[in-house]
C-alpha atoms as a PDB file:
ATOM      1  CA  UNK A   1     -30.854  39.895  23.810  1.00  0.00           C
ATOM      2  CA  UNK A   2     -28.338  36.761  21.291  1.00  0.00           C
ATOM      3  CA  UNK A   3     -27.698  33.831  22.367  1.00  0.00           C
ATOM      4  CA  UNK A   4     -23.483  33.574  23.297  1.00  0.00           C
ATOM      5  CA  UNK A   5     -21.184  31.204  20.515  1.00  0.00           C
ATOM      6  CA  UNK A   6     -21.169  28.424  22.872  1.00  0.00           C
ATOM      7  CA  UNK A   7     -25.418  28.509  23.153  1.00  0.00           C
ATOM      8  CA  UNK A   8     -26.779  24.776  22.484  1.00  0.00           C
ATOM      9  CA  UNK A   9     -28.913  26.349  20.109  1.00  0.00           C
ATOM     10  CA  UNK A  10     -25.842  28.221  18.364  1.00  0.00           C
ATOM     11  CA  UNK A  11     -23.117  25.242  19.035  1.00  0.00           C
ATOM     12  CA  UNK A  12     -25.500  22.639  16.608  1.00  0.00           C
ATOM     13  CA  UNK A  13     -26.565  21.000  20.592  1.00  0.00           C
ATOM     14  CA  UNK A  14     -29.603  20.788  20.034  1.00  0.00           C
ATOM     15  CA  UNK A  15     -30.361  22.951  17.029  1.00  0.00           C
ATOM     16  CA  UNK A  16     -31.865  19.864  15.108  1.00  0.00           C
ATOM     17  CA  UNK A  17     -33.023  18.088  17.893  1.00  0.00           C
ATOM     18  CA  UNK A  18     -36.662  16.583  18.139  1.00  0.00           C
ATOM     19  CA  UNK A  19     -37.867  18.957  19.626  1.00  0.00           C
ATOM     20  CA  UNK A  20     -36.643  21.862  19.128  1.00  0.00           C
ATOM     21  CA  UNK A  21     -37.991  21.332  15.025  1.00  0.00           C
ATOM     22  CA  UNK A  22     -41.390  21.071  16.614  1.00  0.00           C
ATOM     23  CA  UNK A  23     -41.650  23.688  18.334  1.00  0.00           C
ATOM     24  CA  UNK A  24     -40.679  25.655  15.368  1.00  0.00           C
ATOM     25  CA  UNK A  25     -43.073  24.065  13.055  1.00  0.00           C
ATOM     26  CA  UNK A  26     -41.590  21.393  11.579  1.00  0.00           C
ATOM     27  CA  UNK A  27     -43.309  17.905  11.204  1.00  0.00           C
ATOM     28  CA  UNK A  28     -41.171  14.984  11.640  1.00  0.00           C
ATOM     29  CA  UNK A  29     -42.012  11.347  11.213  1.00  0.00           C
ATOM     30  CA  UNK A  30     -40.841  11.114  15.447  1.00  0.00           C
ATOM     31  CA  UNK A  31     -43.096  13.036  17.615  1.00  0.00           C
ATOM     32  CA  UNK A  32     -41.301  14.670  20.530  1.00  0.00           C
ATOM     33  CA  UNK A  33     -42.280  13.889  23.899  1.00  0.00           C
ATOM     34  CA  UNK A  34     -41.488  14.958  27.838  1.00  0.00           C
ATOM     35  CA  UNK A  35     -43.668  15.644  30.933  1.00  0.00           C
ATOM     36  CA  UNK A  36     -44.626  18.231  32.718  1.00  0.00           C
ATOM     37  CA  UNK A  37     -43.458  17.225  36.531  1.00  0.00           C
ATOM     38  CA  UNK A  38     -41.594  14.240  34.767  1.00  0.00           C
ATOM     39  CA  UNK A  39     -38.306  15.088  37.882  1.00  0.00           C
ATOM     40  CA  UNK A  40     -39.405  14.635  40.828  1.00  0.00           C
ATOM     41  CA  UNK A  41     -41.489  12.639  43.495  1.00  0.00           C
ATOM     42  CA  UNK A  42     -43.531   9.613  41.029  1.00  0.00           C
ATOM     43  CA  UNK A  43     -39.039   8.803  41.047  1.00  0.00           C
ATOM     44  CA  UNK A  44     -37.538   6.436  43.223  1.00  0.00           C
ATOM     45  CA  UNK A  45     -34.071   7.970  42.961  1.00  0.00           C
ATOM     46  CA  UNK A  46     -35.612  11.731  42.883  1.00  0.00           C
ATOM     47  CA  UNK A  47     -37.362   9.755  47.045  1.00  0.00           C
ATOM     48  CA  UNK A  48     -34.299   8.334  47.439  1.00  0.00           C
ATOM     49  CA  UNK A  49     -31.696  11.739  47.308  1.00  0.00           C
ATOM     50  CA  UNK A  50     -34.821  14.179  48.565  1.00  0.00           C
ATOM     51  CA  UNK A  51     -35.129  12.221  51.493  1.00  0.00           C
ATOM     52  CA  UNK A  52     -36.537  14.629  54.449  1.00  0.00           C
ATOM     53  CA  UNK A  53     -34.643  17.844  52.277  1.00  0.00           C
ATOM     54  CA  UNK A  54     -35.444  20.874  52.127  1.00  0.00           C
ATOM     55  CA  UNK A  55     -37.430  21.569  48.395  1.00  0.00           C
ATOM     56  CA  UNK A  56     -36.552  24.966  47.671  1.00  0.00           C
ATOM     57  CA  UNK A  57     -32.910  24.550  49.003  1.00  0.00           C
ATOM     58  CA  UNK A  58     -32.879  21.974  46.484  1.00  0.00           C
ATOM     59  CA  UNK A  59     -33.516  23.961  43.562  1.00  0.00           C
ATOM     60  CA  UNK A  60     -30.750  26.414  45.043  1.00  0.00           C
ATOM     61  CA  UNK A  61     -28.287  23.744  45.371  1.00  0.00           C
ATOM     62  CA  UNK A  62     -26.503  23.277  41.746  1.00  0.00           C
ATOM     63  CA  UNK A  63     -25.777  20.104  41.943  1.00  0.00           C
ATOM     64  CA  UNK A  64     -28.562  18.521  43.448  1.00  0.00           C
ATOM     65  CA  UNK A  65     -30.949  20.420  40.993  1.00  0.00           C
ATOM     66  CA  UNK A  66     -29.150  18.465  38.349  1.00  0.00           C
ATOM     67  CA  UNK A  67     -28.952  15.812  39.048  1.00  0.00           C
ATOM     68  CA  UNK A  68     -32.953  15.648  39.511  1.00  0.00           C
ATOM     69  CA  UNK A  69     -33.987  17.231  35.599  1.00  0.00           C
ATOM     70  CA  UNK A  70     -31.054  14.505  35.179  1.00  0.00           C
ATOM     71  CA  UNK A  71     -32.899  11.465  36.293  1.00  0.00           C
ATOM     72  CA  UNK A  72     -36.291  11.618  33.915  1.00  0.00           C
ATOM     73  CA  UNK A  73     -33.666  11.909  31.059  1.00  0.00           C
ATOM     74  CA  UNK A  74     -32.530   8.578  31.816  1.00  0.00           C
ATOM     75  CA  UNK A  75     -34.948   6.595  32.739  1.00  0.00           C
ATOM     76  CA  UNK A  76     -37.576   7.511  30.564  1.00  0.00           C
ATOM     77  CA  UNK A  77     -35.810   8.471  27.426  1.00  0.00           C
ATOM     78  CA  UNK A  78     -37.541  11.383  26.257  1.00  0.00           C
ATOM     79  CA  UNK A  79     -36.873  14.184  24.077  1.00  0.00           C
ATOM     80  CA  UNK A  80     -35.597  17.060  26.553  1.00  0.00           C
ATOM     81  CA  UNK A  81     -34.764  17.728  30.200  1.00  0.00           C
ATOM     82  CA  UNK A  82     -37.072  20.003  32.232  1.00  0.00           C
ATOM     83  CA  UNK A  83     -35.080  22.239  34.442  1.00  0.00           C
ATOM     84  CA  UNK A  84     -36.014  20.765  38.097  1.00  0.00           C
ATOM     85  CA  UNK A  85     -37.182  24.030  40.283  1.00  0.00           C
ATOM     86  CA  UNK A  86     -39.970  25.865  41.260  1.00  0.00           C
ATOM     87  CA  UNK A  87     -42.135  28.880  40.410  1.00  0.00           C
ATOM     88  CA  UNK A  88     -41.773  30.487  43.440  1.00  0.00           C
ATOM     89  CA  UNK A  89     -37.429  30.299  43.596  1.00  0.00           C
ATOM     90  CA  UNK A  90     -37.035  34.424  41.566  1.00  0.00           C
ATOM     91  CA  UNK A  91     -39.675  35.422  44.612  1.00  0.00           C
ATOM     92  CA  UNK A  92     -37.454  33.824  47.482  1.00  0.00           C
ATOM     93  CA  UNK A  93     -34.500  35.387  45.890  1.00  0.00           C
ATOM     94  CA  UNK A  94     -36.394  38.363  45.204  1.00  0.00           C
ATOM     95  CA  UNK A  95     -36.035  38.200  49.200  1.00  0.00           C
ATOM     96  CA  UNK A  96     -39.882  37.991  49.915  1.00  0.00           C
ATOM     97  CA  UNK A  97     -40.195  35.375  52.265  1.00  0.00           C
ATOM     98  CA  UNK A  98     -40.994  31.933  51.539  1.00  0.00           C
ATOM     99  CA  UNK A  99     -41.410  28.530  52.338  1.00  0.00           C
ATOM    100  CA  UNK A 100     -43.017  25.158  50.457  1.00  0.00           C
ATOM    101  CA  UNK A 101     -45.335  23.388  53.571  1.00  0.00           C
ATOM    102  CA  UNK A 102     -46.047  19.085  52.384  1.00  0.00           C
ATOM    103  CA  UNK A 103     -48.602  18.389  51.073  1.00  0.00           C
ATOM    104  CA  UNK A 104     -50.194  22.081  50.651  1.00  0.00           C
ATOM    105  CA  UNK A 105     -47.370  24.157  48.323  1.00  0.00           C
ATOM    106  CA  UNK A 106     -45.923  27.762  48.827  1.00  0.00           C
ATOM    107  CA  UNK A 107     -46.917  29.383  51.715  1.00  0.00           C
ATOM    108  CA  UNK A 108     -45.932  33.079  51.762  1.00  0.00           C
ATOM    109  CA  UNK A 109     -44.915  34.753  56.073  1.00  0.00           C
ATOM    110  CA  UNK A 110     -47.164  37.930  54.643  1.00  0.00           C
ATOM    111  CA  UNK A 111     -49.526  38.382  51.552  1.00  0.00           C
ATOM    112  CA  UNK A 112     -49.466  40.953  49.516  1.00  0.00           C
ATOM    113  CA  UNK A 113     -53.261  42.311  50.191  1.00  0.00           C
ATOM    114  CA  UNK A 114     -52.708  46.717  49.321  1.00  0.00           C
ATOM    115  CA  UNK A 115     -51.154  49.253  46.858  1.00  0.00           C
ATOM    116  CA  UNK A 116     -48.982  49.649  50.086  1.00  0.00           C
ATOM    117  CA  UNK A 117     -47.400  45.934  50.797  1.00  0.00           C
ATOM    118  CA  UNK A 118     -46.711  46.112  46.134  1.00  0.00           C
ATOM    119  CA  UNK A 119     -45.134  48.893  46.770  1.00  0.00           C
ATOM    120  CA  UNK A 120     -42.927  46.850  49.205  1.00  0.00           C
ATOM    121  CA  UNK A 121     -41.581  44.258  47.319  1.00  0.00           C
ATOM    122  CA  UNK A 122     -37.793  44.196  46.731  1.00  0.00           C
ATOM    123  CA  UNK A 123     -36.395  44.036  42.680  1.00  0.00           C
ATOM    124  CA  UNK A 124     -34.359  41.165  41.889  1.00  0.00           C
ATOM    125  CA  UNK A 125     -31.199  41.827  42.146  1.00  0.00           C
ATOM    126  CA  UNK A 126     -29.339  39.216  38.814  1.00  0.00           C
ATOM    127  CA  UNK A 127     -26.876  38.209  40.687  1.00  0.00           C
ATOM    128  CA  UNK A 128     -28.729  36.435  43.089  1.00  0.00           C
ATOM    129  CA  UNK A 129     -29.491  34.305  40.047  1.00  0.00           C
ATOM    130  CA  UNK A 130     -25.753  32.709  39.857  1.00  0.00           C
ATOM    131  CA  UNK A 131     -27.229  29.023  41.069  1.00  0.00           C
ATOM    132  CA  UNK A 132     -29.801  29.070  38.449  1.00  0.00           C
ATOM    133  CA  UNK A 133     -27.349  29.848  36.155  1.00  0.00           C
ATOM    134  CA  UNK A 134     -24.575  27.632  37.467  1.00  0.00           C
ATOM    135  CA  UNK A 135     -27.121  24.505  37.992  1.00  0.00           C
ATOM    136  CA  UNK A 136     -28.343  24.425  34.038  1.00  0.00           C
ATOM    137  CA  UNK A 137     -24.688  24.932  33.338  1.00  0.00           C
ATOM    138  CA  UNK A 138     -23.804  21.688  34.531  1.00  0.00           C
ATOM    139  CA  UNK A 139     -27.265  20.219  32.856  1.00  0.00           C
ATOM    140  CA  UNK A 140     -26.689  20.913  29.727  1.00  0.00           C
ATOM    141  CA  UNK A 141     -22.946  20.301  30.070  1.00  0.00           C
ATOM    142  CA  UNK A 142     -24.299  16.072  30.094  1.00  0.00           C
ATOM    143  CA  UNK A 143     -27.416  16.621  28.102  1.00  0.00           C
ATOM    144  CA  UNK A 144     -26.076  16.589  24.388  1.00  0.00           C
ATOM    145  CA  UNK A 145     -28.102  16.233  21.941  1.00  0.00           C
ATOM    146  CA  UNK A 146     -31.207  16.715  24.218  1.00  0.00           C
ATOM    147  CA  UNK A 147     -32.071  19.913  25.034  1.00  0.00           C
ATOM    148  CA  UNK A 148     -33.430  21.565  28.717  1.00  0.00           C
ATOM    149  CA  UNK A 149     -36.644  23.931  28.740  1.00  0.00           C
ATOM    150  CA  UNK A 150     -36.089  26.657  31.247  1.00  0.00           C
ATOM    151  CA  UNK A 151     -39.483  27.117  32.331  1.00  0.00           C
ATOM    152  CA  UNK A 152     -40.764  29.771  35.291  1.00  0.00           C
ATOM    153  CA  UNK A 153     -44.657  31.260  36.147  1.00  0.00           C
ATOM    154  CA  UNK A 154     -46.781  32.713  35.191  1.00  0.00           C
ATOM    155  CA  UNK A 155     -47.190  36.619  36.291  1.00  0.00           C
ATOM    156  CA  UNK A 156     -51.199  35.863  37.408  1.00  0.00           C
ATOM    157  CA  UNK A 157     -50.411  32.538  38.522  1.00  0.00           C
ATOM    158  CA  UNK A 158     -47.811  34.154  40.978  1.00  0.00           C
ATOM    159  CA  UNK A 159     -49.472  36.685  41.928  1.00  0.00           C
ATOM    160  CA  UNK A 160     -52.323  34.378  43.509  1.00  0.00           C
ATOM    161  CA  UNK A 161     -49.802  32.450  45.531  1.00  0.00           C
ATOM    162  CA  UNK A 162     -48.706  36.455  46.835  1.00  0.00           C
ATOM    163  CA  UNK A 163     -51.896  37.662  47.400  1.00  0.00           C
ATOM    164  CA  UNK A 164     -53.874  34.177  48.976  1.00  0.00           C
ATOM    165  CA  UNK A 165     -50.980  33.429  50.801  1.00  0.00           C
ATOM    166  CA  UNK A 166     -50.397  30.174  49.226  1.00  0.00           C
ATOM    167  CA  UNK A 167     -52.262  27.914  46.796  1.00  0.00           C
ATOM    168  CA  UNK A 168     -56.353  28.909  46.155  1.00  0.00           C
ATOM    169  CA  UNK A 169     -58.693  26.680  43.935  1.00  0.00           C
ATOM    170  CA  UNK A 170     -60.836  30.176  43.176  1.00  0.00           C
ATOM    171  CA  UNK A 171     -58.458  32.784  43.794  1.00  0.00           C
ATOM    172  CA  UNK A 172     -61.223  35.343  45.177  1.00  0.00           C
ATOM    173  CA  UNK A 173     -59.102  37.370  46.891  1.00  0.00           C
ATOM    174  CA  UNK A 174     -56.833  37.862  44.086  1.00  0.00           C
ATOM    175  CA  UNK A 175     -59.918  38.550  41.383  1.00  0.00           C
ATOM    176  CA  UNK A 176     -60.905  40.712  44.363  1.00  0.00           C
ATOM    177  CA  UNK A 177     -57.577  42.886  44.550  1.00  0.00           C
ATOM    178  CA  UNK A 178     -57.935  42.899  40.332  1.00  0.00           C
ATOM    179  CA  UNK A 179     -60.642  44.723  39.889  1.00  0.00           C
ATOM    180  CA  UNK A 180     -61.213  46.425  43.079  1.00  0.00           C
ATOM    181  CA  UNK A 181     -57.796  48.744  42.972  1.00  0.00           C
ATOM    182  CA  UNK A 182     -56.089  48.191  38.830  1.00  0.00           C
ATOM    183  CA  UNK A 183     -53.830  50.044  39.829  1.00  0.00           C
ATOM    184  CA  UNK A 184     -52.017  47.962  42.707  1.00  0.00           C
ATOM    185  CA  UNK A 185     -52.799  45.214  40.666  1.00  0.00           C
ATOM    186  CA  UNK A 186     -51.210  45.953  37.657  1.00  0.00           C
ATOM    187  CA  UNK A 187     -47.962  46.704  39.601  1.00  0.00           C
ATOM    188  CA  UNK A 188     -48.008  43.476  41.001  1.00  0.00           C
ATOM    189  CA  UNK A 189     -48.075  41.332  37.726  1.00  0.00           C
ATOM    190  CA  UNK A 190     -45.372  43.831  36.200  1.00  0.00           C
ATOM    191  CA  UNK A 191     -43.294  43.145  39.149  1.00  0.00           C
ATOM    192  CA  UNK A 192     -44.031  39.107  39.340  1.00  0.00           C
ATOM    193  CA  UNK A 193     -43.358  40.313  35.246  1.00  0.00           C
ATOM    194  CA  UNK A 194     -39.690  41.195  35.842  1.00  0.00           C
ATOM    195  CA  UNK A 195     -39.368  38.289  38.095  1.00  0.00           C
ATOM    196  CA  UNK A 196     -40.208  35.384  36.090  1.00  0.00           C
ATOM    197  CA  UNK A 197     -38.849  37.436  33.326  1.00  0.00           C
ATOM    198  CA  UNK A 198     -35.260  37.211  34.691  1.00  0.00           C
ATOM    199  CA  UNK A 199     -36.174  33.472  36.003  1.00  0.00           C
ATOM    200  CA  UNK A 200     -36.892  32.217  32.152  1.00  0.00           C
ATOM    201  CA  UNK A 201     -33.742  34.733  30.591  1.00  0.00           C
ATOM    202  CA  UNK A 202     -31.535  33.449  33.162  1.00  0.00           C
ATOM    203  CA  UNK A 203     -32.236  29.924  32.600  1.00  0.00           C
ATOM    204  CA  UNK A 204     -31.630  30.847  28.687  1.00  0.00           C
ATOM    205  CA  UNK A 205     -28.344  32.476  28.475  1.00  0.00           C
ATOM    206  CA  UNK A 206     -26.525  29.638  31.143  1.00  0.00           C
ATOM    207  CA  UNK A 207     -28.378  26.886  27.887  1.00  0.00           C
ATOM    208  CA  UNK A 208     -31.606  26.024  28.469  1.00  0.00           C
ATOM    209  CA  UNK A 209     -33.097  25.820  24.505  1.00  0.00           C
ATOM    210  CA  UNK A 210     -36.630  26.157  25.088  1.00  0.00           C
ATOM    211  CA  UNK A 211     -38.337  28.497  27.578  1.00  0.00           C
ATOM    212  CA  UNK A 212     -42.246  27.604  28.604  1.00  0.00           C
ATOM    213  CA  UNK A 213     -43.923  29.726  30.937  1.00  0.00           C
ATOM    214  CA  UNK A 214     -46.546  28.226  33.448  1.00  0.00           C
ATOM    215  CA  UNK A 215     -49.916  28.998  34.279  1.00  0.00           C
ATOM    216  CA  UNK A 216     -51.721  26.961  36.974  1.00  0.00           C
ATOM    217  CA  UNK A 217     -54.553  29.052  37.491  1.00  0.00           C
ATOM    218  CA  UNK A 218     -55.612  31.171  34.335  1.00  0.00           C
ATOM    219  CA  UNK A 219     -59.028  29.198  34.373  1.00  0.00           C
ATOM    220  CA  UNK A 220     -59.921  30.929  37.342  1.00  0.00           C
ATOM    221  CA  UNK A 221     -60.512  34.206  34.985  1.00  0.00           C
ATOM    222  CA  UNK A 222     -63.277  35.162  32.749  1.00  0.00           C
ATOM    223  CA  UNK A 223     -61.775  36.064  29.218  1.00  0.00           C
ATOM    224  CA  UNK A 224     -62.145  39.809  29.656  1.00  0.00           C
ATOM    225  CA  UNK A 225     -60.328  39.501  32.899  1.00  0.00           C
ATOM    226  CA  UNK A 226     -57.821  37.465  31.087  1.00  0.00           C
ATOM    227  CA  UNK A 227     -57.376  39.848  28.148  1.00  0.00           C
ATOM    228  CA  UNK A 228     -57.571  43.105  30.058  1.00  0.00           C
ATOM    229  CA  UNK A 229     -55.349  42.287  33.312  1.00  0.00           C
ATOM    230  CA  UNK A 230     -53.178  39.027  32.728  1.00  0.00           C
ATOM    231  CA  UNK A 231     -52.385  38.636  28.904  1.00  0.00           C
ATOM    232  CA  UNK A 232     -49.911  42.215  28.771  1.00  0.00           C
ATOM    233  CA  UNK A 233     -48.283  40.433  32.043  1.00  0.00           C
ATOM    234  CA  UNK A 234     -47.459  37.770  30.581  1.00  0.00           C
ATOM    235  CA  UNK A 235     -46.307  39.247  27.091  1.00  0.00           C
ATOM    236  CA  UNK A 236     -43.406  41.163  29.558  1.00  0.00           C
ATOM    237  CA  UNK A 237     -42.408  37.818  31.290  1.00  0.00           C
ATOM    238  CA  UNK A 238     -42.063  35.907  27.679  1.00  0.00           C
ATOM    239  CA  UNK A 239     -40.386  38.955  26.136  1.00  0.00           C
ATOM    240  CA  UNK A 240     -37.761  38.907  28.781  1.00  0.00           C
ATOM    241  CA  UNK A 241     -36.292  35.374  26.439  1.00  0.00           C
ATOM    242  CA  UNK A 242     -33.756  35.890  23.743  1.00  0.00           C
ATOM    243  CA  UNK A 243     -34.739  35.936  20.665  1.00  0.00           C
ATOM    244  CA  UNK A 244     -34.850  32.634  18.579  1.00  0.00           C
ATOM    245  CA  UNK A 245     -35.611  30.409  21.515  1.00  0.00           C
ATOM    246  CA  UNK A 246     -38.708  28.775  21.407  1.00  0.00           C
ATOM    247  CA  UNK A 247     -41.433  30.436  23.254  1.00  0.00           C
ATOM    248  CA  UNK A 248     -44.372  26.848  24.913  1.00  0.00           C
ATOM    249  CA  UNK A 249     -46.869  29.462  26.568  1.00  0.00           C
ATOM    250  CA  UNK A 250     -49.469  26.914  28.608  1.00  0.00           C
ATOM    251  CA  UNK A 251     -52.468  27.616  30.890  1.00  0.00           C
ATOM    252  CA  UNK A 252     -54.757  25.391  32.409  1.00  0.00           C
ATOM    253  CA  UNK A 253     -58.209  25.559  31.772  1.00  0.00           C
ATOM    254  CA  UNK A 254     -57.296  28.216  29.255  1.00  0.00           C
ATOM    255  CA  UNK A 255     -60.168  26.659  26.664  1.00  0.00           C
ATOM    256  CA  UNK A 256     -62.221  30.372  26.911  1.00  0.00           C
ATOM    257  CA  UNK A 257     -59.762  31.878  25.285  1.00  0.00           C
ATOM    258  CA  UNK A 258     -57.285  29.747  23.913  1.00  0.00           C
ATOM    259  CA  UNK A 259     -56.852  32.090  20.746  1.00  0.00           C
ATOM    260  CA  UNK A 260     -55.496  34.939  23.068  1.00  0.00           C
ATOM    261  CA  UNK A 261     -52.331  32.645  24.396  1.00  0.00           C
ATOM    262  CA  UNK A 262     -50.289  32.824  20.977  1.00  0.00           C
ATOM    263  CA  UNK A 263     -50.507  36.254  20.823  1.00  0.00           C
ATOM    264  CA  UNK A 264     -48.675  36.823  24.258  1.00  0.00           C
ATOM    265  CA  UNK A 265     -45.362  35.953  22.353  1.00  0.00           C
ATOM    266  CA  UNK A 266     -45.981  32.128  21.912  1.00  0.00           C
ATOM    267  CA  UNK A 267     -44.650  29.572  18.968  1.00  0.00           C
ATOM    268  CA  UNK A 268     -45.970  27.226  20.914  1.00  0.00           C
ATOM    269  CA  UNK A 269     -49.462  26.657  23.001  1.00  0.00           C
ATOM    270  CA  UNK A 270     -50.168  23.940  25.688  1.00  0.00           C
ATOM    271  CA  UNK A 271     -53.360  22.214  25.749  1.00  0.00           C
ATOM    272  CA  UNK A 272     -54.578  20.553  28.730  1.00  0.00           C
ATOM    273  CA  UNK A 273     -57.135  17.432  28.422  1.00  0.00           C
ATOM    274  CA  UNK A 274     -60.156  19.349  28.026  1.00  0.00           C
ATOM    275  CA  UNK A 275     -60.288  20.588  24.806  1.00  0.00           C
ATOM    276  CA  UNK A 276     -58.879  18.421  22.031  1.00  0.00           C
ATOM    277  CA  UNK A 277     -56.055  18.497  19.728  1.00  0.00           C
ATOM    278  CA  UNK A 278     -57.912  19.144  16.294  1.00  0.00           C
ATOM    279  CA  UNK A 279     -60.121  21.096  17.478  1.00  0.00           C
ATOM    280  CA  UNK A 280     -57.742  23.634  19.294  1.00  0.00           C
ATOM    281  CA  UNK A 281     -55.314  23.275  16.614  1.00  0.00           C
ATOM    282  CA  UNK A 282     -59.120  25.101  14.690  1.00  0.00           C
ATOM    283  CA  UNK A 283     -59.042  27.463  16.924  1.00  0.00           C
ATOM    284  CA  UNK A 284     -55.096  28.758  16.526  1.00  0.00           C
ATOM    285  CA  UNK A 285     -54.669  27.545  12.939  1.00  0.00           C
ATOM    286  CA  UNK A 286     -50.673  27.424  11.946  1.00  0.00           C
ATOM    287  CA  UNK A 287     -49.698  27.405  15.495  1.00  0.00           C
ATOM    288  CA  UNK A 288     -47.975  24.127  17.338  1.00  0.00           C
ATOM    289  CA  UNK A 289     -49.393  22.153  19.996  1.00  0.00           C
ATOM    290  CA  UNK A 290     -47.940  20.599  22.902  1.00  0.00           C
ATOM    291  CA  UNK A 291     -50.111  18.122  25.406  1.00  0.00           C
ATOM    292  CA  UNK A 292     -52.752  16.714  25.902  1.00  0.00           C
ATOM    293  CA  UNK A 293     -52.684  13.091  27.514  1.00  0.00           C
ATOM    294  CA  UNK A 294     -55.126  13.083  30.202  1.00  0.00           C
ATOM    295  CA  UNK A 295     -53.480  13.079  33.431  1.00  0.00           C
ATOM    296  CA  UNK A 296     -56.095  10.962  35.098  1.00  0.00           C
ATOM    297  CA  UNK A 297     -55.335   7.688  32.765  1.00  0.00           C
ATOM    298  CA  UNK A 298     -51.707   7.243  33.706  1.00  0.00           C
ATOM    299  CA  UNK A 299     -53.527   4.286  36.408  1.00  0.00           C
ATOM    300  CA  UNK A 300     -55.459   3.026  33.668  1.00  0.00           C
ATOM    301  CA  UNK A 301     -55.845  -0.497  32.332  1.00  0.00           C
ATOM    302  CA  UNK A 302     -53.238  -0.140  29.422  1.00  0.00           C
ATOM    303  CA  UNK A 303     -55.886  -0.673  26.965  1.00  0.00           C
ATOM    304  CA  UNK A 304     -57.108   1.975  27.739  1.00  0.00           C
ATOM    305  CA  UNK A 305     -54.124   3.992  27.785  1.00  0.00           C
ATOM    306  CA  UNK A 306     -52.983   3.278  24.937  1.00  0.00           C
ATOM    307  CA  UNK A 307     -56.554   3.960  22.923  1.00  0.00           C
ATOM    308  CA  UNK A 308     -56.180   7.573  25.013  1.00  0.00           C
ATOM    309  CA  UNK A 309     -53.302   8.089  23.516  1.00  0.00           C
ATOM    310  CA  UNK A 310     -53.625   7.236  20.015  1.00  0.00           C
ATOM    311  CA  UNK A 311     -57.145   9.230  19.748  1.00  0.00           C
ATOM    312  CA  UNK A 312     -54.306  12.596  21.213  1.00  0.00           C
ATOM    313  CA  UNK A 313     -51.653  11.825  18.003  1.00  0.00           C
ATOM    314  CA  UNK A 314     -54.534  11.469  16.159  1.00  0.00           C
ATOM    315  CA  UNK A 315     -55.600  14.545  16.441  1.00  0.00           C
ATOM    316  CA  UNK A 316     -52.654  15.890  16.733  1.00  0.00           C
ATOM    317  CA  UNK A 317     -52.418  15.181  13.419  1.00  0.00           C
ATOM    318  CA  UNK A 318     -54.344  18.688  12.447  1.00  0.00           C
ATOM    319  CA  UNK A 319     -51.297  20.508  13.769  1.00  0.00           C
ATOM    320  CA  UNK A 320     -48.194  22.300  12.015  1.00  0.00           C
ATOM    321  CA  UNK A 321     -46.497  19.914  14.477  1.00  0.00           C
ATOM    322  CA  UNK A 322     -47.139  17.854  18.179  1.00  0.00           C
ATOM    323  CA  UNK A 323     -45.092  17.795  20.650  1.00  0.00           C
ATOM    324  CA  UNK A 324     -46.475  14.689  22.617  1.00  0.00           C
ATOM    325  CA  UNK A 325     -47.581  15.637  26.691  1.00  0.00           C
ATOM    326  CA  UNK A 326     -49.581  15.622  29.638  1.00  0.00           C
ATOM    327  CA  UNK A 327     -52.125  18.191  29.791  1.00  0.00           C
ATOM    328  CA  UNK A 328     -50.859  18.933  33.037  1.00  0.00           C
ATOM    329  CA  UNK A 329     -47.600  17.637  34.909  1.00  0.00           C
ATOM    330  CA  UNK A 330     -47.074  14.447  36.616  1.00  0.00           C
ATOM    331  CA  UNK A 331     -48.944  13.005  39.090  1.00  0.00           C
ATOM    332  CA  UNK A 332     -46.925  12.206  42.244  1.00  0.00           C
ATOM    333  CA  UNK A 333     -48.327   8.470  42.171  1.00  0.00           C
ATOM    334  CA  UNK A 334     -47.884   7.363  39.272  1.00  0.00           C
ATOM    335  CA  UNK A 335     -46.012   4.190  37.854  1.00  0.00           C
ATOM    336  CA  UNK A 336     -42.773   5.158  36.361  1.00  0.00           C
ATOM    337  CA  UNK A 337     -43.130   2.349  34.724  1.00  0.00           C
ATOM    338  CA  UNK A 338     -46.143   3.798  32.342  1.00  0.00           C
ATOM    339  CA  UNK A 339     -44.255   6.496  31.293  1.00  0.00           C
ATOM    340  CA  UNK A 340     -41.255   4.929  30.175  1.00  0.00           C
ATOM    341  CA  UNK A 341     -43.606   2.810  27.656  1.00  0.00           C
ATOM    342  CA  UNK A 342     -46.014   5.838  26.755  1.00  0.00           C
ATOM    343  CA  UNK A 343     -42.384   7.546  25.608  1.00  0.00           C
ATOM    344  CA  UNK A 344     -41.719   3.756  23.703  1.00  0.00           C
ATOM    345  CA  UNK A 345     -45.468   4.314  22.255  1.00  0.00           C
ATOM    346  CA  UNK A 346     -45.000   7.823  21.537  1.00  0.00           C
ATOM    347  CA  UNK A 347     -41.983   6.985  19.125  1.00  0.00           C
ATOM    348  CA  UNK A 348     -42.785   4.219  17.819  1.00  0.00           C
ATOM    349  CA  UNK A 349     -44.879   5.579  16.080  1.00  0.00           C
END
């Protein structure tokens, strides 16, 4: 797979951007900064635009998804946009019944808990992703030299939603299925990898300059289970990203198997708030890192947050390059002014 001549990485618009350079291991005097979930509920302009609307419908309305993606770039001056969507969007486009329930998250009409249910999962038609391609193209046309990050849910996280029927703190049914029926589990994870891989590829081919695989629930796994039953499928998903496009692999709670994440094909590993960056750099030497400001401290007094950010930046010096980010997504109640000031602090060095 190769990028077309008009892609921002090919025509030069984003090839030397701070974020792209850092993802390729180049350290510059100023570090790039962006925030997971920077587009969305923490912004008053988002709440005004989306008042009363359906989340998934917003994701599939190209001009609306594009505008929401651009809002935090305008407000905060971050070094990248991240495409506004949801990890279950490609699952919905494949024909699986799912809806977003306010205050809860994705809920599936029919959970997938056995081999028969896995066998019934529909294949994703590439044409169904056209609204995604259109939204990305609209966004990239507005961004100029600011790169767009495409993202997708890692196979394990997608599978956990499908098996549990919605969000779950411990993924008990999911881990139970993994061990009770390894063949059905492998088939489910392969389906998830292909769906999220197609989602990532569509975003990149339409103009995204970086791709991130997001594994929200990986922390519920043991090292052995992750390596044997999950890692090969994350590798499959990331392999769908066209060559030459930097890949970020982020998982929440992945400390026990942090060293395995780069083996899935990642150029950058995202670190949550639990593992200091200098320790992460020692465990995965030679790999650019992303993270790892604790989202809980966004609501702390300014002096406390500033000290924490300074410590994160100092520890990030141990990596070949450092993309500044939170250790997870922006909480909905975050004061946008705090994020803007954080970006200014990072850019000031």
